[in-house]
């Protein structure tokens, strides 16, 4: 069962109205929509533009600029592997290659079993690199075989 409300134009209009008078309303409104629905539905772009009296291009620009804003529902699982210098120096690229191989995708693609794989720059766990954030849980000192185990566990949860 999803913790997010199903998309409806009426509910989206209510969210937009709540945010319209705040400073920086485009970003705050898009964030509020994502909090409500789990993502920003494509129909929200013209709705936000019209309600905030800005262009659709401006709304689209904000939506696509901020990496954490989603334009589709989130997958069942998320794997973010740190590829910053500290983690690279202790093998994060090997983790990334293992994860790509296990999932059959490249970084940034959703696997067929709804696992997103993403490269990120610094999880703040430099002393315990290579690090990954798996469904919000920070893991450190990962090896490629451990990455395989993590992915297998995620797949078994989804099945």
Protein backbone atom coordinates (compact mmCIF):
# COMPACT_ATOMS: atom_id res chain seq x y z
CA UNK A 1 0.00 0.00 0.00
CA UNK A 2 1.44 3.36 -1.02
CA UNK A 3 1.93 6.11 1.53
CA UNK A 4 1.13 8.67 -1.16
CA UNK A 5 -2.19 10.00 -2.33
CA UNK A 6 -3.27 9.03 -5.85
CA UNK A 7 -2.90 11.84 -8.37
CA UNK A 8 -5.97 14.00 -8.88
CA UNK A 9 -6.10 17.46 -10.38
CA UNK A 10 -8.33 18.65 -7.56
CA UNK A 11 -5.88 17.56 -4.85
CA UNK A 12 -2.96 19.00 -6.83
CA UNK A 13 -4.75 22.36 -7.10
CA UNK A 14 -5.22 22.39 -3.31
CA UNK A 15 -1.50 21.74 -2.79
CA UNK A 16 -0.54 24.47 -5.27
CA UNK A 17 -2.88 26.95 -3.60
CA UNK A 18 -1.26 26.29 -0.21
CA UNK A 19 2.19 27.09 -1.63
CA UNK A 20 1.38 30.03 -3.91
CA UNK A 21 2.02 32.81 -1.40
CA UNK A 22 5.34 31.47 -0.12
CA UNK A 23 8.70 32.82 -1.33
CA UNK A 24 10.26 30.73 -4.11
CA UNK A 25 6.91 29.14 -4.89
CA UNK A 26 7.89 27.07 -7.94
CA UNK A 27 10.39 24.83 -6.17
CA UNK A 28 8.39 24.68 -2.95
CA UNK A 29 5.23 23.82 -4.87
CA UNK A 30 6.93 21.03 -6.81
CA UNK A 31 8.37 19.65 -3.57
CA UNK A 32 4.93 19.80 -1.93
CA UNK A 33 3.37 17.96 -4.88
CA UNK A 34 6.04 15.27 -4.62
CA UNK A 35 5.42 14.92 -0.88
CA UNK A 36 1.71 14.51 -1.56
CA UNK A 37 1.84 12.15 -4.56
CA UNK A 38 5.35 10.65 -4.43
CA UNK A 39 6.25 12.33 -7.73
CA UNK A 40 5.34 15.35 -9.84
CA UNK A 41 2.74 14.28 -12.39
CA UNK A 42 3.26 15.73 -15.91
CA UNK A 43 -0.14 17.46 -15.67
CA UNK A 44 1.24 19.47 -12.75
CA UNK A 45 3.54 21.56 -14.97
CA UNK A 46 0.81 23.65 -16.66
CA UNK A 47 -1.19 23.73 -13.42
CA UNK A 48 1.74 25.15 -11.45
CA UNK A 49 2.65 27.58 -14.25
CA UNK A 50 -0.89 28.93 -14.48
CA UNK A 51 -1.40 29.14 -10.71
CA UNK A 52 1.93 30.87 -10.03
CA UNK A 53 1.84 33.05 -13.15
CA UNK A 54 5.12 31.73 -14.56
CA UNK A 55 5.91 29.98 -17.82
CA UNK A 56 5.68 26.23 -18.27
CA UNK A 57 9.33 26.40 -19.33
CA UNK A 58 10.28 27.84 -15.94
CA UNK A 59 8.38 25.11 -14.09
CA UNK A 60 9.89 22.43 -16.34
CA UNK A 61 13.35 23.92 -15.81
CA UNK A 62 13.02 23.73 -12.02
CA UNK A 63 11.52 20.24 -12.23
CA UNK A 64 14.37 18.88 -14.34
CA UNK A 65 17.18 20.80 -12.60
CA UNK A 66 16.65 19.38 -9.13
CA UNK A 67 17.75 15.77 -9.07
CA UNK A 68 15.49 14.69 -6.21
CA UNK A 69 12.29 15.74 -7.99
CA UNK A 70 10.70 12.76 -9.74
CA UNK A 71 8.39 12.80 -12.76
CA UNK A 72 7.23 9.21 -12.29
CA UNK A 73 6.37 7.08 -9.28
CA UNK A 74 9.38 5.90 -7.29
CA UNK A 75 10.54 2.32 -7.76
CA UNK A 76 10.23 -0.28 -5.05
CA UNK A 77 13.95 0.03 -4.19
CA UNK A 78 16.76 2.52 -4.59
CA UNK A 79 20.51 1.85 -4.66
CA UNK A 80 22.76 4.90 -4.58
CA UNK A 81 26.49 4.26 -4.77
CA UNK A 82 28.98 6.95 -3.82
CA UNK A 83 31.45 7.70 -6.61
CA UNK A 84 33.21 10.65 -4.96
CA UNK A 85 36.99 10.57 -4.72
CA UNK A 86 37.29 8.98 -1.25
CA UNK A 87 34.99 6.10 -2.16
CA UNK A 88 36.51 5.72 -5.63
CA UNK A 89 39.94 5.32 -4.09
CA UNK A 90 38.72 2.25 -2.18
CA UNK A 91 36.68 0.59 -4.92
CA UNK A 92 33.28 2.21 -5.46
CA UNK A 93 33.60 1.88 -9.25
CA UNK A 94 33.88 -1.90 -8.78
CA UNK A 95 30.66 -1.77 -6.74
CA UNK A 96 28.98 0.21 -9.49
CA UNK A 97 30.09 -2.24 -12.17
CA UNK A 98 28.86 -5.17 -10.08
CA UNK A 99 25.49 -3.52 -9.49
CA UNK A 100 25.11 -2.68 -13.18
CA UNK A 101 25.95 -6.27 -14.10
CA UNK A 102 23.59 -7.77 -11.50
CA UNK A 103 20.71 -5.48 -12.51
CA UNK A 104 21.37 -5.49 -16.24
CA UNK A 105 21.16 -1.69 -16.41
CA UNK A 106 23.41 1.32 -16.56
CA UNK A 107 23.51 3.97 -13.87
CA UNK A 108 20.32 6.04 -13.87
CA UNK A 109 18.10 3.33 -15.38
CA UNK A 110 15.36 1.44 -13.60
CA UNK A 111 15.88 -2.31 -13.67
CA UNK A 112 13.16 -4.65 -14.79
CA UNK A 113 12.51 -5.54 -11.16
CA UNK A 114 12.00 -1.92 -10.10
CA UNK A 115 15.37 -1.17 -8.57
CA UNK A 116 16.86 2.24 -9.37
CA UNK A 117 20.64 2.45 -9.57
CA UNK A 118 22.20 5.84 -9.14
CA UNK A 119 25.70 7.28 -8.79
CA UNK A 120 25.92 9.98 -6.12
CA UNK A 121 28.74 12.24 -5.00
CA UNK A 122 29.37 11.82 -1.28
CA UNK A 123 27.16 10.18 1.26
CA UNK A 124 29.22 11.57 4.13
CA UNK A 125 30.60 8.15 4.99
CA UNK A 126 34.09 8.68 3.60
CA UNK A 127 35.93 6.85 6.39
CA UNK A 128 33.89 3.73 5.69
CA UNK A 129 34.02 3.71 1.90
CA UNK A 130 33.05 2.43 -0.46
CA UNK A 131 29.59 3.44 0.63
CA UNK A 132 26.06 3.01 -0.67
CA UNK A 133 22.61 4.18 0.37
CA UNK A 134 20.13 1.35 -0.07
CA UNK A 135 16.49 2.24 0.52
CA UNK A 136 17.68 5.02 2.83
CA UNK A 137 20.06 2.79 4.83
CA UNK A 138 23.72 3.81 4.75
CA UNK A 139 26.10 0.89 4.16
CA UNK A 140 29.88 1.12 4.38
CA UNK A 141 32.96 -0.91 3.47
CA UNK A 142 31.02 -2.74 0.79
CA UNK A 143 32.66 -5.26 -1.48
CA UNK A 144 31.35 -6.39 -4.88
CA UNK A 145 30.17 -9.75 -3.45
CA UNK A 146 28.31 -7.87 -0.70
CA UNK A 147 26.69 -5.68 -3.37
CA UNK A 148 25.44 -8.86 -5.05
CA UNK A 149 23.95 -9.98 -1.73
CA UNK A 150 22.25 -6.60 -1.24
CA UNK A 151 20.68 -6.76 -4.69
CA UNK A 152 19.57 -10.36 -4.16
CA UNK A 153 17.91 -9.34 -0.89
CA UNK A 154 16.10 -6.45 -2.60
CA UNK A 155 14.87 -8.76 -5.33
CA UNK A 156 13.57 -11.27 -2.79
CA UNK A 157 11.66 -8.49 -0.98
CA UNK A 158 10.05 -7.42 -4.26
CA UNK A 159 9.11 -10.97 -5.28
